[in-house]
Amino acid sequence: MNIVIIGAAGGIGSTLCSHFSEQHNLFLGSRDETKLSNLKDNIISDNQCSISTVDVTNFDSIDSFISAAHNYLGSIDCIINCSGSLLLKPAHITSENDLDQIFKTNVYSCFGIMKSSYKFLRTNGGSIILFSSAASKVGLKNHEAIASAKGAISSFVVSAASTYASNNIRINAIAPGLVNTPLTERITSNKASLDYSKKMHALDRIGNPENFIPIIDSLVDQRSNWITGQTFFVDGGLSNIK
């Protein structure tokens, strides 16, 4: 299978890259060229694997990246968008620029991927997997900006899944709780913040990137071609267990 992973150099993205490289052909994207090159160097596989930088806040950059992925792989079966950002501020001190960056990284990237991949997926179909957040479902202090953006992704999923179902393009999302990645290091490196965060999850622990392999494995599997328009919460119980 030919899989495109965007945000490949991040915590969850790099874990998925290593996992999927064992059985699939990959085209990997990130804005950080150095991290992307290091990631490729550490992947040992007999399958095809190539990399390219991409700015997920820019539609033209996404379009060039998706076209390069198609040219390299010959076809695209699945696109996984792991790009994202985190902003913890109450609304009254969130700037317009803060919101622009949060929505461009998280929401605009999903629109850009859909816009650019449609021409390659419309004939034979395919799967697009996005990342929402448990924060879109449960009220968390100081999460107004990121919760709004991630909630928009879940809403995008249900609408786009309906729009493109006739092309057999399936669109789903994963909604994590707090995961131990470089993006969340400001929280996880502080013992008080980490202990507080653990208690918010019913299982009394935060997640790790490997927790997402089984659900994404399932969605990538061709036998899951009857699943679309869903947001799957992989969050240690954060969003619905007290």
C-alpha atoms as a PDB file:
ATOM      1  CA  MET A   1       0.000   0.000   0.000  1.00  0.00           C
ATOM      2  CA  ASN A   2       1.151   3.570  -0.707  1.00  0.00           C
ATOM      3  CA  ILE A   3       0.854   5.802   2.349  1.00  0.00           C
ATOM      4  CA  VAL A   4       1.540   9.522   2.716  1.00  0.00           C
ATOM      5  CA  ILE A   5       2.306  10.774   6.230  1.00  0.00           C
ATOM      6  CA  ILE A   6       2.332  14.513   6.946  1.00  0.00           C
ATOM      7  CA  GLY A   7       3.785  15.725  10.226  1.00  0.00           C
ATOM      8  CA  ALA A   8       6.037  12.698   9.960  1.00  0.00           C
ATOM      9  CA  ALA A   9       8.802  14.048  12.192  1.00  0.00           C
ATOM     10  CA  GLY A  10       6.578  14.522  15.239  1.00  0.00           C
ATOM     11  CA  GLY A  11       6.105  12.095  18.105  1.00  0.00           C
ATOM     12  CA  ILE A  12       3.125  10.184  16.737  1.00  0.00           C
ATOM     13  CA  GLY A  13       4.127  10.706  13.104  1.00  0.00           C
ATOM     14  CA  SER A  14       7.623   9.256  13.465  1.00  0.00           C
ATOM     15  CA  THR A  15       6.270   6.237  15.332  1.00  0.00           C
ATOM     16  CA  LEU A  16       3.775   5.572  12.542  1.00  0.00           C
ATOM     17  CA  CYS A  17       6.518   5.978   9.928  1.00  0.00           C
ATOM     18  CA  SER A  18       8.698   3.339  11.545  1.00  0.00           C
ATOM     19  CA  HIS A  19       5.734   0.996  11.905  1.00  0.00           C
ATOM     20  CA  PHE A  20       4.306   1.337   8.403  1.00  0.00           C
ATOM     21  CA  SER A  21       7.704   1.199   6.690  1.00  0.00           C
ATOM     22  CA  GLU A  22       7.803  -2.530   7.450  1.00  0.00           C
ATOM     23  CA  GLN A  23       5.019  -3.358   5.000  1.00  0.00           C
ATOM     24  CA  HIS A  24       4.135  -0.262   2.976  1.00  0.00           C
ATOM     25  CA  ASN A  25       5.627   2.323   0.617  1.00  0.00           C
ATOM     26  CA  LEU A  26       5.886   5.750   2.229  1.00  0.00           C
ATOM     27  CA  PHE A  27       6.149   9.400   1.266  1.00  0.00           C
ATOM     28  CA  LEU A  28       6.885  11.519   4.323  1.00  0.00           C
ATOM     29  CA  GLY A  29       6.435  15.227   4.923  1.00  0.00           C
ATOM     30  CA  SER A  30       7.400  17.749   7.588  1.00  0.00           C
ATOM     31  CA  ARG A  31       8.440  21.387   7.694  1.00  0.00           C
ATOM     32  CA  ASP A  32      11.699  20.427   9.478  1.00  0.00           C
ATOM     33  CA  GLU A  33      14.066  19.114   6.814  1.00  0.00           C
ATOM     34  CA  THR A  34      16.745  18.015   9.292  1.00  0.00           C
ATOM     35  CA  LYS A  35      14.356  15.937  11.397  1.00  0.00           C
ATOM     36  CA  LEU A  36      12.828  14.512   8.235  1.00  0.00           C
ATOM     37  CA  SER A  37      16.226  13.437   6.884  1.00  0.00           C
ATOM     38  CA  ASN A  38      17.164  11.869  10.214  1.00  0.00           C
ATOM     39  CA  LEU A  39      13.861  10.020  10.260  1.00  0.00           C
ATOM     40  CA  LYS A  40      14.451   8.559   6.799  1.00  0.00           C
ATOM     41  CA  ASP A  41      18.011   7.551   7.726  1.00  0.00           C
ATOM     42  CA  ASN A  42      16.662   5.575  10.683  1.00  0.00           C
ATOM     43  CA  ILE A  43      14.078   3.686   8.629  1.00  0.00           C
ATOM     44  CA  ILE A  44      15.391   0.321   7.495  1.00  0.00           C
ATOM     45  CA  SER A  45      13.053  -1.190   4.928  1.00  0.00           C
ATOM     46  CA  ASP A  46      12.989  -2.845   1.534  1.00  0.00           C
ATOM     47  CA  ASN A  47       9.945  -0.760   0.612  1.00  0.00           C
ATOM     48  CA  GLN A  48       9.958   2.608  -1.117  1.00  0.00           C
ATOM     49  CA  CYS A  49      10.421   5.643   1.116  1.00  0.00           C
ATOM     50  CA  SER A  50      10.988   9.262   0.194  1.00  0.00           C
ATOM     51  CA  ILE A  51      10.691  12.625   1.935  1.00  0.00           C
ATOM     52  CA  SER A  52       9.810  16.227   1.145  1.00  0.00           C
ATOM     53  CA  THR A  53       9.320  19.356   3.198  1.00  0.00           C
ATOM     54  CA  VAL A  54       5.827  20.808   3.395  1.00  0.00           C
ATOM     55  CA  ASP A  55       4.257  23.851   5.043  1.00  0.00           C
ATOM     56  CA  VAL A  56       0.803  22.701   6.123  1.00  0.00           C
ATOM     57  CA  THR A  57      -0.370  26.286   6.593  1.00  0.00           C
ATOM     58  CA  ASN A  58       0.053  26.981   2.878  1.00  0.00           C
ATOM     59  CA  PHE A  59      -2.242  25.452   0.245  1.00  0.00           C
ATOM     60  CA  ASP A  60       0.338  25.786  -2.550  1.00  0.00           C
ATOM     61  CA  SER A  61       2.947  23.968  -0.476  1.00  0.00           C
ATOM     62  CA  ILE A  62       0.493  21.169   0.308  1.00  0.00           C
ATOM     63  CA  ASP A  63      -0.457  20.894  -3.354  1.00  0.00           C
ATOM     64  CA  SER A  64       3.185  20.588  -4.437  1.00  0.00           C
ATOM     65  CA  PHE A  65       3.808  18.000  -1.730  1.00  0.00           C
ATOM     66  CA  ILE A  66       0.802  15.814  -2.591  1.00  0.00           C
ATOM     67  CA  SER A  67       1.701  15.958  -6.297  1.00  0.00           C
ATOM     68  CA  ALA A  68       5.285  14.929  -5.497  1.00  0.00           C
ATOM     69  CA  ALA A  69       3.962  12.060  -3.372  1.00  0.00           C
ATOM     70  CA  HIS A  70       1.770  10.841  -6.221  1.00  0.00           C
ATOM     71  CA  ASN A  71       4.603  11.120  -8.736  1.00  0.00           C
ATOM     72  CA  TYR A  72       6.930   9.132  -6.482  1.00  0.00           C
ATOM     73  CA  LEU A  73       4.506   6.436  -5.367  1.00  0.00           C
ATOM     74  CA  GLY A  74       2.515   6.168  -8.604  1.00  0.00           C
ATOM     75  CA  SER A  75      -0.743   6.183  -6.646  1.00  0.00           C
ATOM     76  CA  ILE A  76      -1.944   7.105  -3.169  1.00  0.00           C
ATOM     77  CA  ASP A  77      -3.990   4.760  -0.990  1.00  0.00           C
ATOM     78  CA  CYS A  78      -3.921   6.585   2.330  1.00  0.00           C
ATOM     79  CA  ILE A  79      -2.978  10.002   3.699  1.00  0.00           C
ATOM     80  CA  ILE A  80      -2.365  10.469   7.424  1.00  0.00           C
ATOM     81  CA  ASN A  81      -2.148  14.042   8.687  1.00  0.00           C
ATOM     82  CA  CYS A  82      -0.264  14.093  11.997  1.00  0.00           C
ATOM     83  CA  SER A  83       0.543  17.799  11.845  1.00  0.00           C
ATOM     84  CA  GLY A  84      -0.736  19.845  14.736  1.00  0.00           C
ATOM     85  CA  SER A  85       0.075  22.390  17.392  1.00  0.00           C
ATOM     86  CA  LEU A  86      -0.811  23.162  20.979  1.00  0.00           C
ATOM     87  CA  LEU A  87      -1.798  26.449  22.603  1.00  0.00           C
ATOM     88  CA  LEU A  88      -2.912  26.670  26.225  1.00  0.00           C
ATOM     89  CA  LYS A  89      -4.289  30.159  26.870  1.00  0.00           C
ATOM     90  CA  PRO A  90      -7.616  31.491  28.071  1.00  0.00           C
ATOM     91  CA  ALA A  91      -9.607  33.320  25.406  1.00  0.00           C
ATOM     92  CA  HIS A  92      -9.073  36.797  26.861  1.00  0.00           C
ATOM     93  CA  ILE A  93      -5.300  36.680  26.244  1.00  0.00           C
ATOM     94  CA  THR A  94      -5.404  34.751  22.957  1.00  0.00           C
ATOM     95  CA  SER A  95      -4.310  36.999  20.106  1.00  0.00           C
ATOM     96  CA  GLU A  96      -5.594  37.038  16.553  1.00  0.00           C
ATOM     97  CA  ASN A  97      -2.190  35.770  15.429  1.00  0.00           C
ATOM     98  CA  ASP A  98      -2.443  32.902  17.934  1.00  0.00           C
ATOM     99  CA  LEU A  99      -5.750  31.867  16.409  1.00  0.00           C
ATOM    100  CA  ASP A 100      -4.450  32.213  12.861  1.00  0.00           C
ATOM    101  CA  GLN A 101      -1.559  29.863  13.575  1.00  0.00           C
ATOM    102  CA  ILE A 102      -3.660  27.310  15.458  1.00  0.00           C
ATOM    103  CA  PHE A 103      -6.347  27.139  12.773  1.00  0.00           C
ATOM    104  CA  LYS A 104      -3.910  27.175   9.854  1.00  0.00           C
ATOM    105  CA  THR A 105      -1.824  24.347  11.284  1.00  0.00           C
ATOM    106  CA  ASN A 106      -4.728  22.204  12.391  1.00  0.00           C
ATOM    107  CA  VAL A 107      -7.772  23.055  10.262  1.00  0.00           C
ATOM    108  CA  TYR A 108      -6.382  24.626   7.081  1.00  0.00           C
ATOM    109  CA  SER A 109      -4.028  21.682   6.684  1.00  0.00           C
ATOM    110  CA  CYS A 110      -7.005  19.310   6.487  1.00  0.00           C
ATOM    111  CA  PHE A 111      -8.724  21.463   3.858  1.00  0.00           C
ATOM    112  CA  GLY A 112      -5.494  21.740   1.883  1.00  0.00           C
ATOM    113  CA  ILE A 113      -4.948  17.995   1.920  1.00  0.00           C
ATOM    114  CA  MET A 114      -8.504  17.344   0.783  1.00  0.00           C
ATOM    115  CA  LYS A 115      -8.259  19.939  -1.987  1.00  0.00           C
ATOM    116  CA  SER A 116      -4.967  18.623  -3.310  1.00  0.00           C
ATOM    117  CA  SER A 117      -5.575  14.890  -2.975  1.00  0.00           C
ATOM    118  CA  TYR A 118      -9.047  14.781  -4.525  1.00  0.00           C
ATOM    119  CA  LYS A 119      -7.741  14.666  -8.081  1.00  0.00           C
ATOM    120  CA  PHE A 120      -5.607  11.626  -7.222  1.00  0.00           C
ATOM    121  CA  LEU A 121      -8.198   9.771  -5.128  1.00  0.00           C
ATOM    122  CA  ARG A 122     -11.435  10.472  -7.000  1.00  0.00           C
ATOM    123  CA  THR A 123     -11.138   7.513  -9.393  1.00  0.00           C
ATOM    124  CA  ASN A 124     -10.064   4.652  -7.138  1.00  0.00           C
ATOM    125  CA  GLY A 125     -10.901   6.070  -3.725  1.00  0.00           C
ATOM    126  CA  GLY A 126      -8.707   6.015  -0.656  1.00  0.00           C
ATOM    127  CA  SER A 127      -8.469   6.817   3.037  1.00  0.00           C
ATOM    128  CA  ILE A 128      -7.676  10.089   4.792  1.00  0.00           C
ATOM    129  CA  ILE A 129      -6.928   9.985   8.525  1.00  0.00           C
ATOM    130  CA  LEU A 130      -6.806  13.230  10.520  1.00  0.00           C
ATOM    131  CA  PHE A 131      -6.132  14.088  14.167  1.00  0.00           C
ATOM    132  CA  SER A 132      -8.723  15.781  16.352  1.00  0.00           C
ATOM    133  CA  SER A 133      -8.480  15.830  20.169  1.00  0.00           C
ATOM    134  CA  ALA A 134     -10.355  14.745  23.270  1.00  0.00           C
ATOM    135  CA  ALA A 135     -10.286  18.458  24.149  1.00  0.00           C
ATOM    136  CA  SER A 136     -12.945  18.967  21.482  1.00  0.00           C
ATOM    137  CA  LYS A 137     -15.422  16.944  23.560  1.00  0.00           C
ATOM    138  CA  VAL A 138     -14.614  17.657  27.206  1.00  0.00           C
ATOM    139  CA  GLY A 139     -14.200  21.093  28.744  1.00  0.00           C
ATOM    140  CA  LEU A 140     -10.570  21.724  29.703  1.00  0.00           C
ATOM    141  CA  LYS A 141      -9.283  24.986  31.140  1.00  0.00           C
ATOM    142  CA  ASN A 142      -7.287  27.238  28.811  1.00  0.00           C
ATOM    143  CA  HIS A 143      -7.998  25.027  25.782  1.00  0.00           C
ATOM    144  CA  GLU A 144     -10.341  27.431  23.964  1.00  0.00           C
ATOM    145  CA  ALA A 145      -8.217  27.862  20.834  1.00  0.00           C
ATOM    146  CA  ILE A 146      -7.016  24.301  20.366  1.00  0.00           C
ATOM    147  CA  ALA A 147     -10.385  22.796  21.363  1.00  0.00           C
ATOM    148  CA  SER A 148     -12.102  24.997  18.769  1.00  0.00           C
ATOM    149  CA  ALA A 149      -9.650  23.973  16.057  1.00  0.00           C
ATOM    150  CA  LYS A 150      -9.800  20.275  16.874  1.00  0.00           C
ATOM    151  CA  GLY A 151     -13.586  20.426  17.087  1.00  0.00           C
ATOM    152  CA  ALA A 152     -13.562  21.937  13.608  1.00  0.00           C
ATOM    153  CA  ILE A 153     -11.571  18.937  12.381  1.00  0.00           C
ATOM    154  CA  SER A 154     -14.172  16.499  13.709  1.00  0.00           C
ATOM    155  CA  SER A 155     -16.904  18.554  12.039  1.00  0.00           C
ATOM    156  CA  PHE A 156     -14.896  18.636   8.817  1.00  0.00           C
ATOM    157  CA  VAL A 157     -14.654  14.841   8.915  1.00  0.00           C
ATOM    158  CA  VAL A 158     -18.400  14.220   8.979  1.00  0.00           C
ATOM    159  CA  SER A 159     -19.137  16.703   6.212  1.00  0.00           C
ATOM    160  CA  ALA A 160     -16.243  15.749   3.926  1.00  0.00           C
ATOM    161  CA  ALA A 161     -16.982  12.056   4.433  1.00  0.00           C
ATOM    162  CA  SER A 162     -20.473  12.720   3.069  1.00  0.00           C
ATOM    163  CA  THR A 163     -19.249  14.880   0.194  1.00  0.00           C
ATOM    164  CA  TYR A 164     -16.675  12.394  -1.081  1.00  0.00           C
ATOM    165  CA  ALA A 165     -18.387   9.088  -0.283  1.00  0.00           C
ATOM    166  CA  SER A 166     -19.476   8.773  -3.906  1.00  0.00           C
ATOM    167  CA  ASN A 167     -15.779   8.692  -4.838  1.00  0.00           C
ATOM    168  CA  ASN A 168     -15.122   6.009  -2.220  1.00  0.00           C
ATOM    169  CA  ILE A 169     -12.892   8.440  -0.332  1.00  0.00           C
ATOM    170  CA  ARG A 170     -13.145   7.612   3.360  1.00  0.00           C
ATOM    171  CA  ILE A 171     -12.333  10.284   5.946  1.00  0.00           C
ATOM    172  CA  ASN A 172     -11.906   9.604   9.657  1.00  0.00           C
ATOM    173  CA  ALA A 173     -10.166  11.159  12.655  1.00  0.00           C
ATOM    174  CA  ILE A 174      -8.381  10.063  15.806  1.00  0.00           C
ATOM    175  CA  ALA A 175      -8.897  12.103  18.997  1.00  0.00           C
ATOM    176  CA  PRO A 176      -6.100  11.622  21.543  1.00  0.00           C
ATOM    177  CA  GLY A 177      -5.910  12.652  25.152  1.00  0.00           C
ATOM    178  CA  LEU A 178      -2.574  13.873  26.477  1.00  0.00           C
ATOM    179  CA  VAL A 179       0.252  11.964  24.768  1.00  0.00           C
ATOM    180  CA  ASN A 180       3.927  11.977  25.702  1.00  0.00           C
ATOM    181  CA  THR A 181       5.504  13.671  22.669  1.00  0.00           C
ATOM    182  CA  PRO A 182       7.894  16.582  22.106  1.00  0.00           C
ATOM    183  CA  LEU A 183       4.842  18.803  21.508  1.00  0.00           C
ATOM    184  CA  THR A 184       3.583  18.226  25.069  1.00  0.00           C
ATOM    185  CA  GLU A 185       6.975  18.335  26.770  1.00  0.00           C
ATOM    186  CA  ARG A 186       6.117  21.560  28.592  1.00  0.00           C
ATOM    187  CA  ILE A 187       3.393  19.630  30.432  1.00  0.00           C
ATOM    188  CA  THR A 188       5.020  16.225  30.800  1.00  0.00           C
ATOM    189  CA  SER A 189       8.367  17.565  32.022  1.00  0.00           C
ATOM    190  CA  ASN A 190       6.722  19.261  34.992  1.00  0.00           C
ATOM    191  CA  LYS A 191       5.894  16.723  37.718  1.00  0.00           C
ATOM    192  CA  ALA A 192       2.970  18.670  39.143  1.00  0.00           C
ATOM    193  CA  SER A 193       1.425  19.205  35.708  1.00  0.00           C
ATOM    194  CA  LEU A 194       2.027  15.588  34.730  1.00  0.00           C
ATOM    195  CA  ASP A 195       0.488  14.213  37.941  1.00  0.00           C
ATOM    196  CA  TYR A 196      -2.549  16.475  37.495  1.00  0.00           C
ATOM    197  CA  SER A 197      -2.904  15.390  33.851  1.00  0.00           C
ATOM    198  CA  LYS A 198      -2.704  11.703  34.737  1.00  0.00           C
ATOM    199  CA  LYS A 199      -5.571  12.083  37.201  1.00  0.00           C
ATOM    200  CA  MET A 200      -7.744  13.591  34.437  1.00  0.00           C
ATOM    201  CA  HIS A 201      -7.521  10.293  32.550  1.00  0.00           C
ATOM    202  CA  ALA A 202      -9.572   7.423  33.972  1.00  0.00           C
ATOM    203  CA  LEU A 203      -6.672   5.007  33.452  1.00  0.00           C
ATOM    204  CA  ASP A 204      -4.444   7.321  35.530  1.00  0.00           C
ATOM    205  CA  ARG A 205      -1.771   7.611  32.891  1.00  0.00           C
ATOM    206  CA  ILE A 206      -1.090   9.601  29.761  1.00  0.00           C
ATOM    207  CA  GLY A 207      -0.700   8.029  26.343  1.00  0.00           C
ATOM    208  CA  ASN A 208       2.315   7.231  24.215  1.00  0.00           C
ATOM    209  CA  PRO A 209       2.625   7.249  20.406  1.00  0.00           C
ATOM    210  CA  GLU A 210       2.495   3.449  20.186  1.00  0.00           C
ATOM    211  CA  ASN A 211      -1.082   3.538  21.518  1.00  0.00           C
ATOM    212  CA  PHE A 212      -2.259   4.765  18.100  1.00  0.00           C
ATOM    213  CA  ILE A 213      -0.763   1.994  15.995  1.00  0.00           C
ATOM    214  CA  PRO A 214      -3.643  -0.509  16.435  1.00  0.00           C
ATOM    215  CA  ILE A 215      -6.481   1.880  15.535  1.00  0.00           C
ATOM    216  CA  ILE A 216      -4.635   3.389  12.572  1.00  0.00           C
ATOM    217  CA  ASP A 217      -3.570  -0.095  11.428  1.00  0.00           C
ATOM    218  CA  SER A 218      -7.245  -0.969  11.399  1.00  0.00           C
ATOM    219  CA  LEU A 219      -8.273   2.121   9.427  1.00  0.00           C
ATOM    220  CA  VAL A 220      -5.517   1.581   6.864  1.00  0.00           C
ATOM    221  CA  ASP A 221      -6.573  -2.042   6.379  1.00  0.00           C
ATOM    222  CA  GLN A 222      -8.614  -2.459   3.183  1.00  0.00           C
ATOM    223  CA  ARG A 223     -11.142  -4.501   5.162  1.00  0.00           C
ATOM    224  CA  SER A 224     -12.114  -1.290   6.962  1.00  0.00           C
ATOM    225  CA  ASN A 225     -13.473   0.199   3.742  1.00  0.00           C
ATOM    226  CA  TRP A 226     -16.944   0.523   5.290  1.00  0.00           C
ATOM    227  CA  ILE A 227     -15.808   3.020   7.952  1.00  0.00           C
ATOM    228  CA  THR A 228     -16.084   6.740   7.241  1.00  0.00           C
ATOM    229  CA  GLY A 229     -17.093   9.971   8.944  1.00  0.00           C
ATOM    230  CA  GLN A 230     -15.951   8.833  12.396  1.00  0.00           C
ATOM    231  CA  THR A 231     -13.839  10.353  15.148  1.00  0.00           C
ATOM    232  CA  PHE A 232     -12.287   7.655  17.328  1.00  0.00           C
ATOM    233  CA  PHE A 233     -11.329   8.715  20.851  1.00  0.00           C
ATOM    234  CA  VAL A 234      -8.079   7.119  22.005  1.00  0.00           C
ATOM    235  CA  ASP A 235      -7.703   9.057  25.220  1.00  0.00           C
ATOM    236  CA  GLY A 236      -7.425   6.878  28.328  1.00  0.00           C
ATOM    237  CA  GLY A 237     -11.037   7.727  29.130  1.00  0.00           C
ATOM    238  CA  LEU A 238     -10.456  11.494  29.311  1.00  0.00           C
ATOM    239  CA  SER A 239     -13.436  12.475  27.174  1.00  0.00           C
ATOM    240  CA  ASN A 240     -16.175  10.330  28.702  1.00  0.00           C
ATOM    241  CA  ILE A 241     -15.187   8.684  31.993  1.00  0.00           C
ATOM    242  CA  LYS A 242     -15.130  10.520  35.325  1.00  0.00           C
END
